[in-house]
PDB file of N, CA and C in Angstrom:
ATOM      1  N   MET A   1      -3.762  21.043   8.968  1.00  0.00           N
ATOM      2  CA  MET A   1      -2.909  20.155   8.193  1.00  0.00           C
ATOM      3  C   MET A   1      -3.467  20.002   6.776  1.00  0.00           C
ATOM      4  N   SER A   2      -2.592  19.896   5.855  1.00  0.00           N
ATOM      5  CA  SER A   2      -2.971  19.739   4.453  1.00  0.00           C
ATOM      6  C   SER A   2      -3.472  18.315   4.193  1.00  0.00           C
ATOM      7  N   ASP A   3      -4.448  18.192   3.310  1.00  0.00           N
ATOM      8  CA  ASP A   3      -4.963  16.880   2.927  1.00  0.00           C
ATOM      9  C   ASP A   3      -4.152  16.319   1.768  1.00  0.00           C
ATOM     10  N   SER A   4      -2.848  16.241   1.943  1.00  0.00           N
ATOM     11  CA  SER A   4      -1.973  15.716   0.907  1.00  0.00           C
ATOM     12  C   SER A   4      -1.082  14.646   1.503  1.00  0.00           C
ATOM     13  N   LEU A   5      -0.456  13.884   0.642  1.00  0.00           N
ATOM     14  CA  LEU A   5       0.482  12.874   1.112  1.00  0.00           C
ATOM     15  C   LEU A   5       1.649  13.532   1.846  1.00  0.00           C
ATOM     16  N   GLU A   6       2.095  14.681   1.359  1.00  0.00           N
ATOM     17  CA  GLU A   6       3.178  15.407   2.025  1.00  0.00           C
ATOM     18  C   GLU A   6       2.737  15.883   3.407  1.00  0.00           C
ATOM     19  N   GLY A   7       1.517  16.351   3.521  1.00  0.00           N
ATOM     20  CA  GLY A   7       0.991  16.760   4.823  1.00  0.00           C
ATOM     21  C   GLY A   7       0.925  15.587   5.778  1.00  0.00           C
ATOM     22  N   LEU A   8       0.498  14.439   5.274  1.00  0.00           N
ATOM     23  CA  LEU A   8       0.446  13.229   6.088  1.00  0.00           C
ATOM     24  C   LEU A   8       1.854  12.817   6.521  1.00  0.00           C
ATOM     25  N   ARG A   9       2.806  12.890   5.593  1.00  0.00           N
ATOM     26  CA  ARG A   9       4.193  12.536   5.920  1.00  0.00           C
ATOM     27  C   ARG A   9       4.710  13.405   7.061  1.00  0.00           C
ATOM     28  N   ARG A  10       4.481  14.702   6.955  1.00  0.00           N
ATOM     29  CA  ARG A  10       4.933  15.628   7.999  1.00  0.00           C
ATOM     30  C   ARG A  10       4.262  15.336   9.342  1.00  0.00           C
ATOM     31  N   ARG A  11       2.964  15.094   9.293  1.00  0.00           N
ATOM     32  CA  ARG A  11       2.219  14.809  10.537  1.00  0.00           C
ATOM     33  C   ARG A  11       2.720  13.540  11.196  1.00  0.00           C
ATOM     34  N   LEU A  12       2.983  12.505  10.401  1.00  0.00           N
ATOM     35  CA  LEU A  12       3.482  11.244  10.961  1.00  0.00           C
ATOM     36  C   LEU A  12       4.892  11.395  11.519  1.00  0.00           C
ATOM     37  N   ALA A  13       5.747  12.155  10.841  1.00  0.00           N
ATOM     38  CA  ALA A  13       7.112  12.391  11.338  1.00  0.00           C
ATOM     39  C   ALA A  13       7.055  13.147  12.665  1.00  0.00           C
ATOM     40  N   GLU A  14       6.183  14.139  12.743  1.00  0.00           N
ATOM     41  CA  GLU A  14       6.022  14.896  13.989  1.00  0.00           C
ATOM     42  C   GLU A  14       5.509  13.998  15.110  1.00  0.00           C
ATOM     43  N   PHE A  15       4.530  13.173  14.807  1.00  0.00           N
ATOM     44  CA  PHE A  15       3.964  12.233  15.777  1.00  0.00           C
ATOM     45  C   PHE A  15       5.069  11.343  16.351  1.00  0.00           C
ATOM     46  N   ALA A  16       5.913  10.793  15.480  1.00  0.00           N
ATOM     47  CA  ALA A  16       6.996   9.916  15.925  1.00  0.00           C
ATOM     48  C   ALA A  16       8.031  10.692  16.743  1.00  0.00           C
ATOM     49  N   ARG A  17       8.405  11.891  16.280  1.00  0.00           N
ATOM     50  CA  ARG A  17       9.392  12.709  17.001  1.00  0.00           C
ATOM     51  C   ARG A  17       8.903  13.068  18.400  1.00  0.00           C
ATOM     52  N   GLU A  18       7.644  13.458  18.521  1.00  0.00           N
ATOM     53  CA  GLU A  18       7.089  13.852  19.820  1.00  0.00           C
ATOM     54  C   GLU A  18       7.139  12.712  20.836  1.00  0.00           C
ATOM     55  N   ARG A  19       7.143  11.489  20.358  1.00  0.00           N
ATOM     56  CA  ARG A  19       7.139  10.325  21.235  1.00  0.00           C
ATOM     57  C   ARG A  19       8.514   9.647  21.324  1.00  0.00           C
ATOM     58  N   ASP A  20       9.507  10.252  20.668  1.00  0.00           N
ATOM     59  CA  ASP A  20      10.854   9.685  20.593  1.00  0.00           C
ATOM     60  C   ASP A  20      10.807   8.271  20.011  1.00  0.00           C
ATOM     61  N   TRP A  21      10.020   8.114  18.966  1.00  0.00           N
ATOM     62  CA  TRP A  21       9.886   6.805  18.312  1.00  0.00           C
ATOM     63  C   TRP A  21      10.741   6.677  17.063  1.00  0.00           C
ATOM     64  N   GLU A  22      11.395   7.746  16.643  1.00  0.00           N
ATOM     65  CA  GLU A  22      12.260   7.657  15.457  1.00  0.00           C
ATOM     66  C   GLU A  22      13.258   6.514  15.615  1.00  0.00           C
ATOM     67  N   GLN A  23      13.735   6.314  16.853  1.00  0.00           N
ATOM     68  CA  GLN A  23      14.705   5.254  17.110  1.00  0.00           C
ATOM     69  C   GLN A  23      14.160   3.870  16.758  1.00  0.00           C
ATOM     70  N   PHE A  24      12.865   3.696  16.764  1.00  0.00           N
ATOM     71  CA  PHE A  24      12.247   2.409  16.457  1.00  0.00           C
ATOM     72  C   PHE A  24      11.812   2.307  14.994  1.00  0.00           C
ATOM     73  N   HIS A  25      11.773   3.435  14.314  1.00  0.00           N
ATOM     74  CA  HIS A  25      11.237   3.490  12.953  1.00  0.00           C
ATOM     75  C   HIS A  25      12.310   3.324  11.888  1.00  0.00           C
ATOM     76  N   SER A  26      13.062   2.247  12.001  1.00  0.00           N
ATOM     77  CA  SER A  26      14.004   1.916  10.927  1.00  0.00           C
ATOM     78  C   SER A  26      13.198   1.376   9.749  1.00  0.00           C
ATOM     79  N   PRO A  27      13.726   1.474   8.538  1.00  0.00           N
ATOM     80  CA  PRO A  27      12.996   0.894   7.404  1.00  0.00           C
ATOM     81  C   PRO A  27      12.644  -0.580   7.626  1.00  0.00           C
ATOM     82  N   LYS A  28      13.549  -1.340   8.222  1.00  0.00           N
ATOM     83  CA  LYS A  28      13.283  -2.761   8.494  1.00  0.00           C
ATOM     84  C   LYS A  28      12.086  -2.920   9.423  1.00  0.00           C
ATOM     85  N   ASN A  29      12.087  -2.198  10.546  1.00  0.00           N
ATOM     86  CA  ASN A  29      10.987  -2.321  11.497  1.00  0.00           C
ATOM     87  C   ASN A  29       9.672  -1.848  10.905  1.00  0.00           C
ATOM     88  N   LEU A  30       9.718  -0.764  10.150  1.00  0.00           N
ATOM     89  CA  LEU A  30       8.501  -0.260   9.521  1.00  0.00           C
ATOM     90  C   LEU A  30       7.967  -1.231   8.477  1.00  0.00           C
ATOM     91  N   ALA A  31       8.866  -1.860   7.712  1.00  0.00           N
ATOM     92  CA  ALA A  31       8.429  -2.845   6.715  1.00  0.00           C
ATOM     93  C   ALA A  31       7.774  -4.047   7.403  1.00  0.00           C
ATOM     94  N   MET A  32       8.346  -4.460   8.513  1.00  0.00           N
ATOM     95  CA  MET A  32       7.751  -5.585   9.254  1.00  0.00           C
ATOM     96  C   MET A  32       6.369  -5.206   9.793  1.00  0.00           C
ATOM     97  N   ALA A  33       6.241  -3.992  10.312  1.00  0.00           N
ATOM     98  CA  ALA A  33       4.946  -3.532  10.809  1.00  0.00           C
ATOM     99  C   ALA A  33       3.935  -3.419   9.667  1.00  0.00           C
ATOM    100  N   LEU A  34       4.398  -2.977   8.500  1.00  0.00           N
ATOM    101  CA  LEU A  34       3.526  -2.875   7.331  1.00  0.00           C
ATOM    102  C   LEU A  34       2.950  -4.239   6.968  1.00  0.00           C
ATOM    103  N   ILE A  35       3.802  -5.254   6.956  1.00  0.00           N
ATOM    104  CA  ILE A  35       3.334  -6.602   6.616  1.00  0.00           C
ATOM    105  C   ILE A  35       2.321  -7.101   7.641  1.00  0.00           C
ATOM    106  N   ALA A  36       2.571  -6.829   8.915  1.00  0.00           N
ATOM    107  CA  ALA A  36       1.629  -7.252   9.961  1.00  0.00           C
ATOM    108  C   ALA A  36       0.276  -6.566   9.764  1.00  0.00           C
ATOM    109  N   GLU A  37       0.295  -5.281   9.443  1.00  0.00           N
ATOM    110  CA  GLU A  37      -0.962  -4.566   9.220  1.00  0.00           C
ATOM    111  C   GLU A  37      -1.660  -5.045   7.947  1.00  0.00           C
ATOM    112  N   ALA A  38      -0.888  -5.333   6.911  1.00  0.00           N
ATOM    113  CA  ALA A  38      -1.482  -5.854   5.671  1.00  0.00           C
ATOM    114  C   ALA A  38      -2.157  -7.200   5.949  1.00  0.00           C
ATOM    115  N   ALA A  39      -1.539  -8.018   6.794  1.00  0.00           N
ATOM    116  CA  ALA A  39      -2.145  -9.306   7.151  1.00  0.00           C
ATOM    117  C   ALA A  39      -3.454  -9.090   7.908  1.00  0.00           C
ATOM    118  N   GLU A  40      -3.485  -8.094   8.782  1.00  0.00           N
ATOM    119  CA  GLU A  40      -4.726  -7.792   9.492  1.00  0.00           C
ATOM    120  C   GLU A  40      -5.814  -7.337   8.521  1.00  0.00           C
ATOM    121  N   LEU A  41      -5.435  -6.597   7.499  1.00  0.00           N
ATOM    122  CA  LEU A  41      -6.384  -6.188   6.469  1.00  0.00           C
ATOM    123  C   LEU A  41      -6.927  -7.408   5.727  1.00  0.00           C
ATOM    124  N   VAL A  42      -6.040  -8.290   5.338  1.00  0.00           N
ATOM    125  CA  VAL A  42      -6.437  -9.491   4.593  1.00  0.00           C
ATOM    126  C   VAL A  42      -7.384 -10.369   5.408  1.00  0.00           C
ATOM    127  N   GLU A  43      -7.166 -10.434   6.716  1.00  0.00           N
ATOM    128  CA  GLU A  43      -8.014 -11.276   7.568  1.00  0.00           C
ATOM    129  C   GLU A  43      -9.491 -10.913   7.443  1.00  0.00           C
ATOM    130  N   HIS A  44      -9.784  -9.650   7.205  1.00  0.00           N
ATOM    131  CA  HIS A  44     -11.182  -9.238   7.085  1.00  0.00           C
ATOM    132  C   HIS A  44     -11.851  -9.826   5.843  1.00  0.00           C
ATOM    133  N   PHE A  45     -11.058 -10.236   4.863  1.00  0.00           N
ATOM    134  CA  PHE A  45     -11.604 -10.773   3.618  1.00  0.00           C
ATOM    135  C   PHE A  45     -11.501 -12.293   3.524  1.00  0.00           C
ATOM    136  N   GLN A  46     -10.771 -12.876   4.452  1.00  0.00           N
ATOM    137  CA  GLN A  46     -10.579 -14.328   4.418  1.00  0.00           C
ATOM    138  C   GLN A  46     -11.934 -15.027   4.495  1.00  0.00           C
ATOM    139  N   TRP A  47     -12.129 -15.956   3.618  1.00  0.00           N
ATOM    140  CA  TRP A  47     -13.307 -16.814   3.519  1.00  0.00           C
ATOM    141  C   TRP A  47     -14.527 -16.124   2.940  1.00  0.00           C
ATOM    142  N   LEU A  48     -14.425 -14.875   2.568  1.00  0.00           N
ATOM    143  CA  LEU A  48     -15.560 -14.216   1.922  1.00  0.00           C
ATOM    144  C   LEU A  48     -15.574 -14.560   0.437  1.00  0.00           C
ATOM    145  N   THR A  49     -16.735 -14.538  -0.148  1.00  0.00           N
ATOM    146  CA  THR A  49     -16.823 -14.670  -1.596  1.00  0.00           C
ATOM    147  C   THR A  49     -16.434 -13.330  -2.211  1.00  0.00           C
ATOM    148  N   GLU A  50     -16.234 -13.331  -3.523  1.00  0.00           N
ATOM    149  CA  GLU A  50     -15.950 -12.072  -4.209  1.00  0.00           C
ATOM    150  C   GLU A  50     -17.066 -11.070  -3.951  1.00  0.00           C
ATOM    151  N   ALA A  51     -18.311 -11.530  -4.082  1.00  0.00           N
ATOM    152  CA  ALA A  51     -19.459 -10.639  -3.888  1.00  0.00           C
ATOM    153  C   ALA A  51     -19.514 -10.107  -2.456  1.00  0.00           C
ATOM    154  N   GLN A  52     -19.284 -10.965  -1.474  1.00  0.00           N
ATOM    155  CA  GLN A  52     -19.301 -10.514  -0.080  1.00  0.00           C
ATOM    156  C   GLN A  52     -18.215  -9.484   0.184  1.00  0.00           C
ATOM    157  N   SER A  53     -17.067  -9.662  -0.457  1.00  0.00           N
ATOM    158  CA  SER A  53     -15.962  -8.728  -0.233  1.00  0.00           C
ATOM    159  C   SER A  53     -16.277  -7.333  -0.772  1.00  0.00           C
ATOM    160  N   GLU A  54     -17.211  -7.245  -1.688  1.00  0.00           N
ATOM    161  CA  GLU A  54     -17.605  -5.957  -2.249  1.00  0.00           C
ATOM    162  C   GLU A  54     -18.768  -5.312  -1.493  1.00  0.00           C
ATOM    163  N   ARG A  55     -19.414  -6.079  -0.633  1.00  0.00           N
ATOM    164  CA  ARG A  55     -20.561  -5.567   0.125  1.00  0.00           C
ATOM    165  C   ARG A  55     -20.353  -5.825   1.612  1.00  0.00           C
ATOM    166  N   LEU A  56     -19.379  -5.195   2.189  1.00  0.00           N
ATOM    167  CA  LEU A  56     -19.069  -5.397   3.601  1.00  0.00           C
ATOM    168  C   LEU A  56     -20.123  -4.730   4.479  1.00  0.00           C
ATOM    169  N   PRO A  57     -20.497  -5.404   5.567  1.00  0.00           N
ATOM    170  CA  PRO A  57     -21.363  -4.725   6.543  1.00  0.00           C
ATOM    171  C   PRO A  57     -20.633  -3.493   7.096  1.00  0.00           C
ATOM    172  N   GLU A  58     -21.381  -2.515   7.546  1.00  0.00           N
ATOM    173  CA  GLU A  58     -20.781  -1.239   7.949  1.00  0.00           C
ATOM    174  C   GLU A  58     -19.701  -1.405   9.016  1.00  0.00           C
ATOM    175  N   ALA A  59     -19.896  -2.249  10.013  1.00  0.00           N
ATOM    176  CA  ALA A  59     -18.889  -2.427  11.073  1.00  0.00           C
ATOM    177  C   ALA A  59     -17.595  -3.007  10.508  1.00  0.00           C
ATOM    178  N   LYS A  60     -17.727  -3.973   9.619  1.00  0.00           N
ATOM    179  CA  LYS A  60     -16.526  -4.565   9.005  1.00  0.00           C
ATOM    180  C   LYS A  60     -15.864  -3.564   8.070  1.00  0.00           C
ATOM    181  N   ARG A  61     -16.655  -2.798   7.354  1.00  0.00           N
ATOM    182  CA  ARG A  61     -16.096  -1.769   6.463  1.00  0.00           C
ATOM    183  C   ARG A  61     -15.275  -0.763   7.261  1.00  0.00           C
ATOM    184  N   GLU A  62     -15.761  -0.389   8.436  1.00  0.00           N
ATOM    185  CA  GLU A  62     -15.025   0.550   9.292  1.00  0.00           C
ATOM    186  C   GLU A  62     -13.722  -0.079   9.780  1.00  0.00           C
ATOM    187  N   ALA A  63     -13.756  -1.339  10.145  1.00  0.00           N
ATOM    188  CA  ALA A  63     -12.530  -2.026  10.573  1.00  0.00           C
ATOM    189  C   ALA A  63     -11.526  -2.091   9.422  1.00  0.00           C
ATOM    190  N   VAL A  64     -12.009  -2.368   8.220  1.00  0.00           N
ATOM    191  CA  VAL A  64     -11.146  -2.395   7.029  1.00  0.00           C
ATOM    192  C   VAL A  64     -10.568  -1.005   6.776  1.00  0.00           C
ATOM    193  N   ARG A  65     -11.379   0.018   6.937  1.00  0.00           N
ATOM    194  CA  ARG A  65     -10.928   1.397   6.746  1.00  0.00           C
ATOM    195  C   ARG A  65      -9.745   1.718   7.662  1.00  0.00           C
ATOM    196  N   LEU A  66      -9.837   1.289   8.914  1.00  0.00           N
ATOM    197  CA  LEU A  66      -8.750   1.557   9.861  1.00  0.00           C
ATOM    198  C   LEU A  66      -7.501   0.732   9.552  1.00  0.00           C
ATOM    199  N   GLU A  67      -7.672  -0.483   9.047  1.00  0.00           N
ATOM    200  CA  GLU A  67      -6.502  -1.280   8.642  1.00  0.00           C
ATOM    201  C   GLU A  67      -5.827  -0.656   7.424  1.00  0.00           C
ATOM    202  N   ILE A  68      -6.628  -0.145   6.495  1.00  0.00           N
ATOM    203  CA  ILE A  68      -6.059   0.551   5.336  1.00  0.00           C
ATOM    204  C   ILE A  68      -5.249   1.755   5.818  1.00  0.00           C
ATOM    205  N   ALA A  69      -5.769   2.461   6.813  1.00  0.00           N
ATOM    206  CA  ALA A  69      -5.034   3.595   7.373  1.00  0.00           C
ATOM    207  C   ALA A  69      -3.696   3.141   7.950  1.00  0.00           C
ATOM    208  N   ASP A  70      -3.692   2.041   8.684  1.00  0.00           N
ATOM    209  CA  ASP A  70      -2.439   1.527   9.254  1.00  0.00           C
ATOM    210  C   ASP A  70      -1.432   1.188   8.159  1.00  0.00           C
ATOM    211  N   VAL A  71      -1.893   0.533   7.104  1.00  0.00           N
ATOM    212  CA  VAL A  71      -1.005   0.172   5.995  1.00  0.00           C
ATOM    213  C   VAL A  71      -0.430   1.442   5.362  1.00  0.00           C
ATOM    214  N   LEU A  72      -1.271   2.420   5.116  1.00  0.00           N
ATOM    215  CA  LEU A  72      -0.812   3.672   4.515  1.00  0.00           C
ATOM    216  C   LEU A  72       0.187   4.385   5.424  1.00  0.00           C
ATOM    217  N   ILE A  73      -0.100   4.424   6.705  1.00  0.00           N
ATOM    218  CA  ILE A  73       0.795   5.093   7.656  1.00  0.00           C
ATOM    219  C   ILE A  73       2.178   4.475   7.617  1.00  0.00           C
ATOM    220  N   TYR A  74       2.262   3.164   7.689  1.00  0.00           N
ATOM    221  CA  TYR A  74       3.579   2.518   7.673  1.00  0.00           C
ATOM    222  C   TYR A  74       4.270   2.693   6.327  1.00  0.00           C
ATOM    223  N   LEU A  75       3.527   2.654   5.257  1.00  0.00           N
ATOM    224  CA  LEU A  75       4.110   2.854   3.933  1.00  0.00           C
ATOM    225  C   LEU A  75       4.692   4.266   3.794  1.00  0.00           C
ATOM    226  N   VAL A  76       3.955   5.251   4.262  1.00  0.00           N
ATOM    227  CA  VAL A  76       4.431   6.635   4.207  1.00  0.00           C
ATOM    228  C   VAL A  76       5.671   6.801   5.083  1.00  0.00           C
ATOM    229  N   ARG A  77       5.689   6.169   6.254  1.00  0.00           N
ATOM    230  CA  ARG A  77       6.853   6.279   7.142  1.00  0.00           C
ATOM    231  C   ARG A  77       8.094   5.633   6.517  1.00  0.00           C
ATOM    232  N   ILE A  78       7.928   4.466   5.887  1.00  0.00           N
ATOM    233  CA  ILE A  78       9.072   3.820   5.230  1.00  0.00           C
ATOM    234  C   ILE A  78       9.620   4.736   4.141  1.00  0.00           C
ATOM    235  N   ALA A  79       8.746   5.249   3.311  1.00  0.00           N
ATOM    236  CA  ALA A  79       9.174   6.132   2.223  1.00  0.00           C
ATOM    237  C   ALA A  79       9.904   7.352   2.792  1.00  0.00           C
ATOM    238  N   ASP A  80       9.369   7.920   3.852  1.00  0.00           N
ATOM    239  CA  ASP A  80       9.989   9.095   4.463  1.00  0.00           C
ATOM    240  C   ASP A  80      11.382   8.755   4.985  1.00  0.00           C
ATOM    241  N   ARG A  81      11.512   7.653   5.688  1.00  0.00           N
ATOM    242  CA  ARG A  81      12.811   7.285   6.262  1.00  0.00           C
ATOM    243  C   ARG A  81      13.844   6.989   5.180  1.00  0.00           C
ATOM    244  N   LEU A  82      13.391   6.548   4.006  1.00  0.00           N
ATOM    245  CA  LEU A  82      14.315   6.238   2.909  1.00  0.00           C
ATOM    246  C   LEU A  82      14.457   7.383   1.905  1.00  0.00           C
ATOM    247  N   GLY A  83      13.729   8.464   2.128  1.00  0.00           N
ATOM    248  CA  GLY A  83      13.812   9.597   1.210  1.00  0.00           C
ATOM    249  C   GLY A  83      13.228   9.298  -0.159  1.00  0.00           C
ATOM    250  N   ILE A  84      12.182   8.477  -0.193  1.00  0.00           N
ATOM    251  CA  ILE A  84      11.529   8.101  -1.451  1.00  0.00           C
ATOM    252  C   ILE A  84      10.203   8.849  -1.562  1.00  0.00           C
ATOM    253  N   ASP A  85       9.971   9.448  -2.710  1.00  0.00           N
ATOM    254  CA  ASP A  85       8.694  10.090  -2.996  1.00  0.00           C
ATOM    255  C   ASP A  85       7.761   8.999  -3.516  1.00  0.00           C
ATOM    256  N   PRO A  86       6.771   8.577  -2.724  1.00  0.00           N
ATOM    257  CA  PRO A  86       5.922   7.465  -3.153  1.00  0.00           C
ATOM    258  C   PRO A  86       5.062   7.786  -4.378  1.00  0.00           C
ATOM    259  N   ILE A  87       4.701   9.048  -4.560  1.00  0.00           N
ATOM    260  CA  ILE A  87       3.911   9.429  -5.737  1.00  0.00           C
ATOM    261  C   ILE A  87       4.773   9.294  -6.989  1.00  0.00           C
ATOM    262  N   ALA A  88       5.999   9.798  -6.941  1.00  0.00           N
ATOM    263  CA  ALA A  88       6.909   9.663  -8.086  1.00  0.00           C
ATOM    264  C   ALA A  88       7.210   8.191  -8.353  1.00  0.00           C
ATOM    265  N   ALA A  89       7.407   7.418  -7.293  1.00  0.00           N
ATOM    266  CA  ALA A  89       7.682   5.987  -7.459  1.00  0.00           C
ATOM    267  C   ALA A  89       6.491   5.286  -8.117  1.00  0.00           C
ATOM    268  N   ALA A  90       5.279   5.641  -7.694  1.00  0.00           N
ATOM    269  CA  ALA A  90       4.081   5.036  -8.278  1.00  0.00           C
ATOM    270  C   ALA A  90       3.937   5.423  -9.749  1.00  0.00           C
ATOM    271  N   ARG A  91       4.203   6.675 -10.077  1.00  0.00           N
ATOM    272  CA  ARG A  91       4.139   7.098 -11.490  1.00  0.00           C
ATOM    273  C   ARG A  91       5.138   6.307 -12.327  1.00  0.00           C
ATOM    274  N   ASP A  92       6.367   6.161 -11.798  1.00  0.00           N
ATOM    275  CA  ASP A  92       7.389   5.401 -12.523  1.00  0.00           C
ATOM    276  C   ASP A  92       6.965   3.949 -12.703  1.00  0.00           C
ATOM    277  N   LYS A  93       6.364   3.363 -11.677  1.00  0.00           N
ATOM    278  CA  LYS A  93       5.933   1.959 -11.747  1.00  0.00           C
ATOM    279  C   LYS A  93       4.788   1.794 -12.741  1.00  0.00           C
ATOM    280  N   ILE A  94       3.873   2.738 -12.771  1.00  0.00           N
ATOM    281  CA  ILE A  94       2.773   2.682 -13.746  1.00  0.00           C
ATOM    282  C   ILE A  94       3.337   2.727 -15.162  1.00  0.00           C
ATOM    283  N   ALA A  95       4.293   3.619 -15.404  1.00  0.00           N
ATOM    284  CA  ALA A  95       4.913   3.711 -16.731  1.00  0.00           C
ATOM    285  C   ALA A  95       5.599   2.396 -17.097  1.00  0.00           C
ATOM    286  N   LEU A  96       6.301   1.806 -16.153  1.00  0.00           N
ATOM    287  CA  LEU A  96       6.949   0.509 -16.384  1.00  0.00           C
ATOM    288  C   LEU A  96       5.908  -0.561 -16.707  1.00  0.00           C
ATOM    289  N   ASN A  97       4.821  -0.589 -15.938  1.00  0.00           N
ATOM    290  CA  ASN A  97       3.774  -1.590 -16.172  1.00  0.00           C
ATOM    291  C   ASN A  97       3.062  -1.377 -17.504  1.00  0.00           C
ATOM    292  N   GLU A  98       2.939  -0.133 -17.939  1.00  0.00           N
ATOM    293  CA  GLU A  98       2.339   0.122 -19.252  1.00  0.00           C
ATOM    294  C   GLU A  98       3.183  -0.501 -20.359  1.00  0.00           C
ATOM    295  N   ARG A  99       4.494  -0.478 -20.177  1.00  0.00           N
ATOM    296  CA  ARG A  99       5.377  -1.110 -21.171  1.00  0.00           C
ATOM    297  C   ARG A  99       5.348  -2.638 -21.049  1.00  0.00           C
ATOM    298  N   ARG A 100       5.313  -3.145 -19.824  1.00  0.00           N
ATOM    299  CA  ARG A 100       5.336  -4.591 -19.594  1.00  0.00           C
ATOM    300  C   ARG A 100       4.014  -5.262 -19.950  1.00  0.00           C
ATOM    301  N   TYR A 101       2.929  -4.512 -19.797  1.00  0.00           N
ATOM    302  CA  TYR A 101       1.588  -5.050 -20.018  1.00  0.00           C
ATOM    303  C   TYR A 101       0.817  -4.166 -20.993  1.00  0.00           C
ATOM    304  N   PRO A 102       1.188  -4.177 -22.272  1.00  0.00           N
ATOM    305  CA  PRO A 102       0.450  -3.340 -23.231  1.00  0.00           C
ATOM    306  C   PRO A 102      -1.025  -3.764 -23.283  1.00  0.00           C
ATOM    307  N   ALA A 103      -1.922  -2.791 -23.181  1.00  0.00           N
ATOM    308  CA  ALA A 103      -3.348  -3.078 -23.082  1.00  0.00           C
ATOM    309  C   ALA A 103      -3.856  -3.935 -24.230  1.00  0.00           C
ATOM    310  N   ASP A 104      -3.382  -3.685 -25.439  1.00  0.00           N
ATOM    311  CA  ASP A 104      -3.889  -4.445 -26.583  1.00  0.00           C
ATOM    312  C   ASP A 104      -3.445  -5.906 -26.541  1.00  0.00           C
ATOM    313  N   ARG A 105      -2.434  -6.203 -25.762  1.00  0.00           N
ATOM    314  CA  ARG A 105      -1.926  -7.585 -25.683  1.00  0.00           C
ATOM    315  C   ARG A 105      -2.456  -8.347 -24.471  1.00  0.00           C
ATOM    316  N   VAL A 106      -2.764  -7.655 -23.376  1.00  0.00           N
ATOM    317  CA  VAL A 106      -3.084  -8.342 -22.123  1.00  0.00           C
ATOM    318  C   VAL A 106      -4.529  -8.161 -21.653  1.00  0.00           C
ATOM    319  N   ARG A 107      -5.319  -7.431 -22.397  1.00  0.00           N
ATOM    320  CA  ARG A 107      -6.695  -7.161 -21.970  1.00  0.00           C
ATOM    321  C   ARG A 107      -7.409  -8.451 -21.585  1.00  0.00           C
ATOM    322  N   GLY A 108      -7.952  -8.475 -20.358  1.00  0.00           N
ATOM    323  CA  GLY A 108      -8.718  -9.616 -19.876  1.00  0.00           C
ATOM    324  C   GLY A 108      -7.876 -10.821 -19.469  1.00  0.00           C
ATOM    325  N   ASP A 109      -6.569 -10.682 -19.396  1.00  0.00           N
ATOM    326  CA  ASP A 109      -5.662 -11.792 -19.083  1.00  0.00           C
ATOM    327  C   ASP A 109      -4.749 -11.334 -17.950  1.00  0.00           C
ATOM    328  N   ALA A 110      -4.752 -12.036 -16.828  1.00  0.00           N
ATOM    329  CA  ALA A 110      -4.055 -11.564 -15.627  1.00  0.00           C
ATOM    330  C   ALA A 110      -2.770 -12.324 -15.315  1.00  0.00           C
ATOM    331  N   ARG A 111      -2.093 -12.784 -16.339  1.00  0.00           N
ATOM    332  CA  ARG A 111      -0.824 -13.479 -16.071  1.00  0.00           C
ATOM    333  C   ARG A 111       0.264 -12.488 -15.676  1.00  0.00           C
ATOM    334  N   ARG A 112       1.371 -13.032 -15.168  1.00  0.00           N
ATOM    335  CA  ARG A 112       2.538 -12.208 -14.839  1.00  0.00           C
ATOM    336  C   ARG A 112       3.263 -11.850 -16.128  1.00  0.00           C
ATOM    337  N   ALA A 113       4.040 -10.780 -16.101  1.00  0.00           N
ATOM    338  CA  ALA A 113       4.702 -10.263 -17.301  1.00  0.00           C
ATOM    339  C   ALA A 113       5.545 -11.323 -17.995  1.00  0.00           C
ATOM    340  N   ALA A 114       6.306 -12.104 -17.238  1.00  0.00           N
ATOM    341  CA  ALA A 114       7.188 -13.119 -17.837  1.00  0.00           C
ATOM    342  C   ALA A 114       6.392 -14.170 -18.610  1.00  0.00           C
ATOM    343  N   GLU A 115       5.167 -14.422 -18.200  1.00  0.00           N
ATOM    344  CA  GLU A 115       4.347 -15.419 -18.887  1.00  0.00           C
ATOM    345  C   GLU A 115       3.909 -14.948 -20.273  1.00  0.00           C
ATOM    346  N   TYR A 116       3.801 -13.644 -20.477  1.00  0.00           N
ATOM    347  CA  TYR A 116       3.443 -13.130 -21.794  1.00  0.00           C
ATOM    348  C   TYR A 116       4.611 -13.287 -22.762  1.00  0.00           C
ATOM    349  N   GLU A 117       5.825 -13.269 -22.229  1.00  0.00           N
ATOM    350  CA  GLU A 117       7.006 -13.419 -23.074  1.00  0.00           C
ATOM    351  C   GLU A 117       7.007 -14.781 -23.767  1.00  0.00           C
ATOM    352  N   ASP A 118       6.401 -15.778 -23.122  1.00  0.00           N
ATOM    353  CA  ASP A 118       6.326 -17.121 -23.715  1.00  0.00           C
ATOM    354  C   ASP A 118       5.453 -17.125 -24.966  1.00  0.00           C
ATOM    355  N   ASP A 119       4.523 -16.151 -25.059  1.00  0.00           N
ATOM    356  CA  ASP A 119       3.620 -16.074 -26.211  1.00  0.00           C
ATOM    357  C   ASP A 119       4.282 -15.387 -27.408  1.00  0.00           C
ATOM    358  N   ALA A 120       5.374 -14.682 -27.170  1.00  0.00           N
ATOM    359  CA  ALA A 120       6.004 -13.891 -28.225  1.00  0.00           C
ATOM    360  C   ALA A 120       6.645 -14.750 -29.298  1.00  0.00           C
TER     361      ALA A 120
END
């Protein structure tokens, strides 16, 4: 298998087809599963300090690694079911954010885009 997002997409589609799970993999169900997995990821960081979150013990780091995998898997499946290229979507979003958050205007300031409009 290729070590690419497309290779992963194909492998996940095959995995679901082999188990007759396509019937359960509606975008709605996949989005709900994605949120559940994202919550499981967040739980590993709950109550940690910023510094602790950057220095996870190896066992916790491995658990986080597997939760990240779950989040990615569901995200790739949603994109596949909707015919969305997630790499192209991410490139488009980065370009949009570059316009919304010009570096010379927002450096070191983490407000939302609409809040910068108040400064104009």
